[in-house]
C-alpha cells in the first residue's frame, strides 16, 4: 500500500508517494544508484539516525525525526558522497528530492506523519 508524508504542523503534504525502508536490505540500498527522485516521491528509513550519500547521483533533502515524528534535524540538498551528522535521538529519516524542505517550509519542531494513501 502506498504511503504519503504530511507535515501536520503546517498542514502540507511533503510527499505523495513514500516507500517504507524498514528492513536491513531496503535501508542499505535506499537511494543508491538511482537516477533521482520523481516529484512527490520519497523514502522513509526506519530505524535511522545517520545517512550517507555514497553512490548517489543527485542532491536530496533529508528530514530526521524522533519516534513521534517531530523534526530534529534537516539536511537540505545533500551532495553526493556526503555523510550527515549523527542525530542520536532520531528514529527515522525521510529522504526527498532536493528543495522539498524549502518548498514546504518544513522546520525543526514540526511533526511529520506517515499515512496510508
N, C-alpha and C. Protein backbone atom coordinates (compact mmCIF):
# COMPACT_ATOMS: atom_id res chain seq x y z
N UNK A 1 0.84 -1.19 0.00
CA UNK A 1 0.00 0.00 0.00
C UNK A 1 0.88 1.25 0.00
N UNK A 2 0.53 2.20 -0.82
CA UNK A 2 1.30 3.44 -0.92
C UNK A 2 1.11 4.28 0.34
N UNK A 3 2.13 5.03 0.67
CA UNK A 3 2.10 5.92 1.84
C UNK A 3 2.33 7.35 1.37
N UNK A 4 1.96 8.29 2.22
CA UNK A 4 2.27 9.69 1.96
C UNK A 4 2.72 10.32 3.26
N UNK A 5 3.56 11.34 3.15
CA UNK A 5 4.09 12.04 4.31
C UNK A 5 3.46 13.42 4.37
N UNK A 6 2.93 13.75 5.55
CA UNK A 6 2.26 15.03 5.74
C UNK A 6 2.88 15.76 6.93
N UNK A 7 3.20 17.03 6.71
CA UNK A 7 3.66 17.89 7.80
C UNK A 7 2.38 18.39 8.46
N UNK A 8 2.02 17.80 9.60
CA UNK A 8 0.75 18.16 10.24
C UNK A 8 0.84 19.51 10.95
N UNK A 9 2.04 19.97 11.25
CA UNK A 9 2.21 21.28 11.86
C UNK A 9 1.82 22.39 10.88
N UNK A 10 2.23 22.22 9.63
CA UNK A 10 1.99 23.25 8.61
C UNK A 10 0.85 22.89 7.66
N UNK A 11 0.26 21.69 7.88
CA UNK A 11 -0.85 21.23 7.05
C UNK A 11 -0.48 21.22 5.56
N UNK A 12 0.66 20.57 5.27
CA UNK A 12 1.14 20.50 3.89
C UNK A 12 1.66 19.08 3.62
N UNK A 13 1.37 18.58 2.44
CA UNK A 13 1.90 17.28 2.04
C UNK A 13 3.36 17.43 1.65
N UNK A 14 4.20 16.60 2.22
CA UNK A 14 5.63 16.64 1.94
C UNK A 14 5.96 15.70 0.78
N UNK A 15 5.31 14.54 0.74
CA UNK A 15 5.50 13.57 -0.35
C UNK A 15 4.22 12.76 -0.52
N UNK A 16 3.84 12.55 -1.77
CA UNK A 16 2.60 11.81 -2.05
C UNK A 16 2.83 10.32 -2.26
N UNK A 17 4.06 9.93 -2.52
CA UNK A 17 4.41 8.52 -2.75
C UNK A 17 5.67 8.20 -1.96
N UNK A 18 5.49 7.54 -0.83
CA UNK A 18 6.62 7.25 0.06
C UNK A 18 6.80 5.74 0.16
N UNK A 19 8.04 5.32 -0.05
CA UNK A 19 8.40 3.90 0.11
C UNK A 19 9.01 3.73 1.49
N UNK A 20 8.48 2.78 2.23
CA UNK A 20 8.98 2.48 3.57
C UNK A 20 10.18 1.54 3.47
N UNK A 21 11.30 1.95 4.06
CA UNK A 21 12.51 1.12 4.10
C UNK A 21 12.73 0.74 5.56
N UNK A 22 12.24 -0.43 5.93
CA UNK A 22 12.26 -0.82 7.34
C UNK A 22 12.90 -2.18 7.58
N UNK A 23 13.66 -2.65 6.62
CA UNK A 23 14.43 -3.88 6.85
C UNK A 23 15.87 -3.62 6.41
N UNK A 24 16.79 -4.44 6.86
CA UNK A 24 18.21 -4.16 6.57
C UNK A 24 18.51 -3.98 5.08
N UNK A 25 17.92 -4.78 4.23
CA UNK A 25 18.21 -4.70 2.80
C UNK A 25 17.70 -3.39 2.20
N UNK A 26 16.45 -3.04 2.46
CA UNK A 26 15.90 -1.80 1.88
C UNK A 26 16.57 -0.56 2.47
N UNK A 27 16.93 -0.61 3.76
CA UNK A 27 17.64 0.52 4.37
C UNK A 27 19.03 0.67 3.76
N UNK A 28 19.69 -0.46 3.51
CA UNK A 28 21.04 -0.42 2.93
C UNK A 28 21.00 0.24 1.54
N UNK A 29 20.08 -0.18 0.69
CA UNK A 29 20.05 0.32 -0.69
C UNK A 29 19.49 1.72 -0.79
N UNK A 30 18.45 2.03 -0.03
CA UNK A 30 17.89 3.38 -0.05
C UNK A 30 17.80 3.97 -1.45
N UNK A 31 18.52 5.06 -1.69
CA UNK A 31 18.52 5.74 -2.99
C UNK A 31 19.80 5.50 -3.79
N UNK A 32 20.65 4.60 -3.29
CA UNK A 32 21.91 4.36 -4.00
C UNK A 32 21.66 3.91 -5.44
N UNK A 33 22.47 4.46 -6.34
CA UNK A 33 22.44 4.13 -7.77
C UNK A 33 21.14 4.47 -8.47
N UNK A 34 20.31 5.30 -7.87
CA UNK A 34 19.08 5.75 -8.52
C UNK A 34 19.41 7.04 -9.29
N UNK A 35 18.72 7.27 -10.41
CA UNK A 35 19.00 8.48 -11.18
C UNK A 35 18.43 9.75 -10.54
N UNK A 36 17.50 9.59 -9.62
CA UNK A 36 16.87 10.73 -8.96
C UNK A 36 15.55 10.30 -8.34
N UNK A 37 14.87 11.25 -7.78
CA UNK A 37 13.54 11.00 -7.21
C UNK A 37 12.52 11.79 -8.01
N UNK A 38 11.47 11.13 -8.49
CA UNK A 38 10.41 11.89 -9.17
C UNK A 38 9.75 12.85 -8.18
N UNK A 39 9.18 13.93 -8.69
CA UNK A 39 8.50 14.89 -7.83
C UNK A 39 7.42 14.19 -7.02
N UNK A 40 7.38 14.49 -5.73
CA UNK A 40 6.38 13.90 -4.85
C UNK A 40 6.76 12.57 -4.24
N UNK A 41 7.92 12.03 -4.62
CA UNK A 41 8.35 10.73 -4.12
C UNK A 41 9.39 10.89 -3.01
N UNK A 42 9.48 9.87 -2.17
CA UNK A 42 10.48 9.86 -1.11
C UNK A 42 10.62 8.49 -0.50
N UNK A 43 11.59 8.34 0.38
CA UNK A 43 11.73 7.09 1.13
C UNK A 43 11.80 7.43 2.62
N UNK A 44 11.16 6.60 3.42
CA UNK A 44 11.10 6.74 4.87
C UNK A 44 11.94 5.61 5.44
N UNK A 45 13.09 5.93 6.01
CA UNK A 45 14.02 4.93 6.53
C UNK A 45 13.87 4.84 8.04
N UNK A 46 13.60 3.62 8.53
CA UNK A 46 13.41 3.42 9.96
C UNK A 46 13.94 2.05 10.35
N UNK A 47 14.68 1.87 11.40
CA UNK A 47 15.27 2.92 12.21
C UNK A 47 16.46 3.56 11.50
N UNK A 48 16.70 4.83 11.83
CA UNK A 48 17.80 5.54 11.19
C UNK A 48 18.13 6.80 11.97
N UNK A 49 19.42 7.04 12.18
CA UNK A 49 19.85 8.25 12.88
C UNK A 49 21.02 8.95 12.18
N UNK A 50 21.49 8.35 11.07
CA UNK A 50 22.55 8.95 10.27
C UNK A 50 22.45 8.39 8.87
N UNK A 51 22.75 9.23 7.88
CA UNK A 51 22.70 8.78 6.49
C UNK A 51 23.98 9.16 5.75
N UNK A 52 24.17 8.51 4.62
CA UNK A 52 25.28 8.85 3.73
C UNK A 52 24.70 9.04 2.33
N UNK A 53 25.49 9.62 1.46
CA UNK A 53 25.05 9.78 0.07
C UNK A 53 26.07 9.18 -0.89
N UNK A 54 26.76 8.13 -0.42
CA UNK A 54 27.69 7.41 -1.29
C UNK A 54 26.92 6.75 -2.43
N UNK A 55 27.50 6.77 -3.60
CA UNK A 55 26.90 6.19 -4.80
C UNK A 55 25.61 6.88 -5.23
N UNK A 56 25.36 8.08 -4.73
CA UNK A 56 24.20 8.86 -5.14
C UNK A 56 24.59 9.71 -6.33
N UNK A 57 23.61 10.03 -7.16
CA UNK A 57 23.87 10.80 -8.37
C UNK A 57 23.21 12.18 -8.34
N UNK A 58 22.58 12.53 -7.24
CA UNK A 58 21.80 13.76 -7.19
C UNK A 58 21.76 14.30 -5.77
N UNK A 59 21.40 15.56 -5.65
CA UNK A 59 21.22 16.17 -4.33
C UNK A 59 19.81 15.83 -3.83
N UNK A 60 19.69 15.69 -2.52
CA UNK A 60 18.39 15.38 -1.94
C UNK A 60 18.27 16.02 -0.57
N UNK A 61 17.04 16.15 -0.10
CA UNK A 61 16.75 16.66 1.24
C UNK A 61 16.51 15.48 2.17
N UNK A 62 16.84 15.66 3.45
CA UNK A 62 16.60 14.62 4.45
C UNK A 62 16.03 15.26 5.71
N UNK A 63 14.97 14.65 6.22
CA UNK A 63 14.31 15.12 7.44
C UNK A 63 14.49 14.04 8.50
N UNK A 64 15.18 14.37 9.58
CA UNK A 64 15.43 13.45 10.69
C UNK A 64 14.35 13.67 11.75
N UNK A 65 13.71 12.59 12.20
CA UNK A 65 12.61 12.68 13.14
C UNK A 65 12.77 11.71 14.30
N UNK A 66 12.16 12.06 15.44
CA UNK A 66 12.12 11.12 16.56
C UNK A 66 10.95 10.16 16.33
N UNK A 67 10.68 9.27 17.29
CA UNK A 67 9.65 8.26 17.05
C UNK A 67 8.23 8.84 17.03
N UNK A 68 8.05 10.06 17.49
CA UNK A 68 6.74 10.72 17.40
C UNK A 68 6.59 11.50 16.09
N UNK A 69 7.63 11.55 15.29
CA UNK A 69 7.60 12.28 14.02
C UNK A 69 8.02 13.73 14.12
N UNK A 70 8.52 14.13 15.29
CA UNK A 70 8.98 15.51 15.47
C UNK A 70 10.31 15.71 14.76
N UNK A 71 10.40 16.74 13.94
CA UNK A 71 11.61 17.02 13.18
C UNK A 71 12.72 17.50 14.12
N UNK A 72 13.85 16.79 14.07
CA UNK A 72 15.00 17.10 14.92
C UNK A 72 16.12 17.81 14.16
N UNK A 73 16.24 17.49 12.87
CA UNK A 73 17.36 18.00 12.08
C UNK A 73 16.97 17.95 10.61
N UNK A 74 17.51 18.89 9.83
CA UNK A 74 17.26 18.97 8.39
C UNK A 74 18.58 19.00 7.63
N UNK A 75 18.65 18.25 6.56
CA UNK A 75 19.77 18.30 5.61
C UNK A 75 19.17 18.73 4.28
N UNK A 76 19.50 19.93 3.83
CA UNK A 76 18.95 20.41 2.57
C UNK A 76 19.96 20.25 1.44
N UNK A 77 19.48 19.68 0.35
CA UNK A 77 20.27 19.48 -0.87
C UNK A 77 21.63 18.84 -0.57
N UNK A 78 21.56 17.72 0.13
CA UNK A 78 22.79 16.97 0.48
C UNK A 78 23.49 16.51 -0.79
N UNK A 79 24.77 16.75 -0.86
CA UNK A 79 25.57 16.42 -2.04
C UNK A 79 25.90 14.93 -2.07
N UNK A 80 26.12 14.39 -3.28
CA UNK A 80 26.62 13.02 -3.37
C UNK A 80 27.95 12.87 -2.62
N UNK A 81 28.17 11.68 -2.10
CA UNK A 81 29.38 11.31 -1.37
C UNK A 81 29.55 12.09 -0.06
N UNK A 82 28.44 12.35 0.60
CA UNK A 82 28.48 13.03 1.89
C UNK A 82 28.06 12.11 3.03
N UNK A 83 28.19 12.63 4.24
CA UNK A 83 27.79 11.91 5.44
C UNK A 83 27.14 12.92 6.37
N UNK A 84 25.94 12.61 6.81
CA UNK A 84 25.26 13.51 7.74
C UNK A 84 25.86 13.34 9.13
N UNK A 85 25.57 14.29 9.99
CA UNK A 85 25.98 14.08 11.37
C UNK A 85 25.03 13.09 12.02
N UNK A 86 25.47 12.49 13.10
CA UNK A 86 24.65 11.53 13.84
C UNK A 86 23.64 12.33 14.66
N UNK A 87 22.37 11.99 14.49
CA UNK A 87 21.30 12.62 15.27
C UNK A 87 20.82 11.55 16.25
N UNK A 88 21.37 11.57 17.43
CA UNK A 88 21.22 10.48 18.39
C UNK A 88 19.77 10.16 18.73
N UNK A 89 18.91 11.14 18.78
CA UNK A 89 17.51 10.90 19.16
C UNK A 89 16.61 10.57 17.97
N UNK A 90 17.18 10.59 16.75
CA UNK A 90 16.38 10.31 15.56
C UNK A 90 16.01 8.84 15.50
N UNK A 91 14.81 8.59 15.03
CA UNK A 91 14.30 7.23 14.85
C UNK A 91 14.07 6.94 13.36
N UNK A 92 13.82 8.01 12.58
CA UNK A 92 13.52 7.83 11.16
C UNK A 92 14.07 9.01 10.37
N UNK A 93 14.31 8.75 9.08
CA UNK A 93 14.74 9.80 8.15
C UNK A 93 13.88 9.69 6.90
N UNK A 94 13.36 10.83 6.47
CA UNK A 94 12.60 10.92 5.23
C UNK A 94 13.50 11.60 4.21
N UNK A 95 13.84 10.87 3.14
CA UNK A 95 14.66 11.42 2.06
C UNK A 95 13.76 11.82 0.91
N UNK A 96 13.98 13.05 0.41
CA UNK A 96 13.12 13.66 -0.60
C UNK A 96 13.97 14.33 -1.67
N UNK A 97 13.33 14.67 -2.77
CA UNK A 97 14.02 15.41 -3.81
C UNK A 97 14.53 16.73 -3.24
N UNK A 98 15.70 17.18 -3.69
CA UNK A 98 16.29 18.41 -3.20
C UNK A 98 15.38 19.61 -3.42
N UNK A 99 15.16 20.38 -2.36
CA UNK A 99 14.32 21.57 -2.44
C UNK A 99 12.96 21.43 -1.79
N UNK A 100 12.58 20.22 -1.43
CA UNK A 100 11.26 19.99 -0.84
C UNK A 100 11.14 20.63 0.55
N UNK A 101 12.20 20.60 1.33
CA UNK A 101 12.16 21.21 2.67
C UNK A 101 11.81 22.69 2.54
N UNK A 102 12.51 23.39 1.66
CA UNK A 102 12.26 24.82 1.46
C UNK A 102 10.86 25.06 0.89
N UNK A 103 10.48 24.26 -0.08
CA UNK A 103 9.18 24.42 -0.74
C UNK A 103 8.01 24.26 0.23
N UNK A 104 8.15 23.33 1.18
CA UNK A 104 7.05 23.05 2.13
C UNK A 104 7.17 23.87 3.41
N UNK A 105 8.30 24.56 3.59
CA UNK A 105 8.51 25.35 4.80
C UNK A 105 8.74 24.51 6.04
N UNK A 106 9.10 23.26 5.86
CA UNK A 106 9.32 22.34 6.99
C UNK A 106 10.49 22.83 7.84
N UNK A 107 10.31 22.80 9.16
CA UNK A 107 11.33 23.26 10.07
C UNK A 107 11.48 22.34 11.28
N UNK A 108 12.56 22.53 12.00
CA UNK A 108 12.79 21.77 13.23
C UNK A 108 11.63 22.05 14.18
N UNK A 109 11.10 20.99 14.79
CA UNK A 109 9.97 21.10 15.70
C UNK A 109 8.64 20.76 15.05
N UNK A 110 8.57 20.79 13.71
CA UNK A 110 7.35 20.36 13.02
C UNK A 110 7.14 18.87 13.25
N UNK A 111 5.93 18.41 13.01
CA UNK A 111 5.62 16.98 13.13
C UNK A 111 5.23 16.44 11.76
N UNK A 112 5.91 15.37 11.37
CA UNK A 112 5.65 14.69 10.09
C UNK A 112 4.96 13.37 10.40
N UNK A 113 3.92 13.08 9.64
CA UNK A 113 3.16 11.86 9.85
C UNK A 113 3.15 11.05 8.56
N UNK A 114 3.38 9.74 8.67
CA UNK A 114 3.31 8.84 7.54
C UNK A 114 1.90 8.24 7.53
N UNK A 115 1.19 8.45 6.43
CA UNK A 115 -0.21 8.00 6.33
C UNK A 115 -0.39 7.04 5.18
N UNK A 116 -1.36 6.14 5.33
CA UNK A 116 -1.75 5.30 4.21
C UNK A 116 -2.47 6.18 3.22
N UNK A 117 -2.26 5.87 1.94
CA UNK A 117 -2.87 6.70 0.90
C UNK A 117 -4.35 6.39 0.79
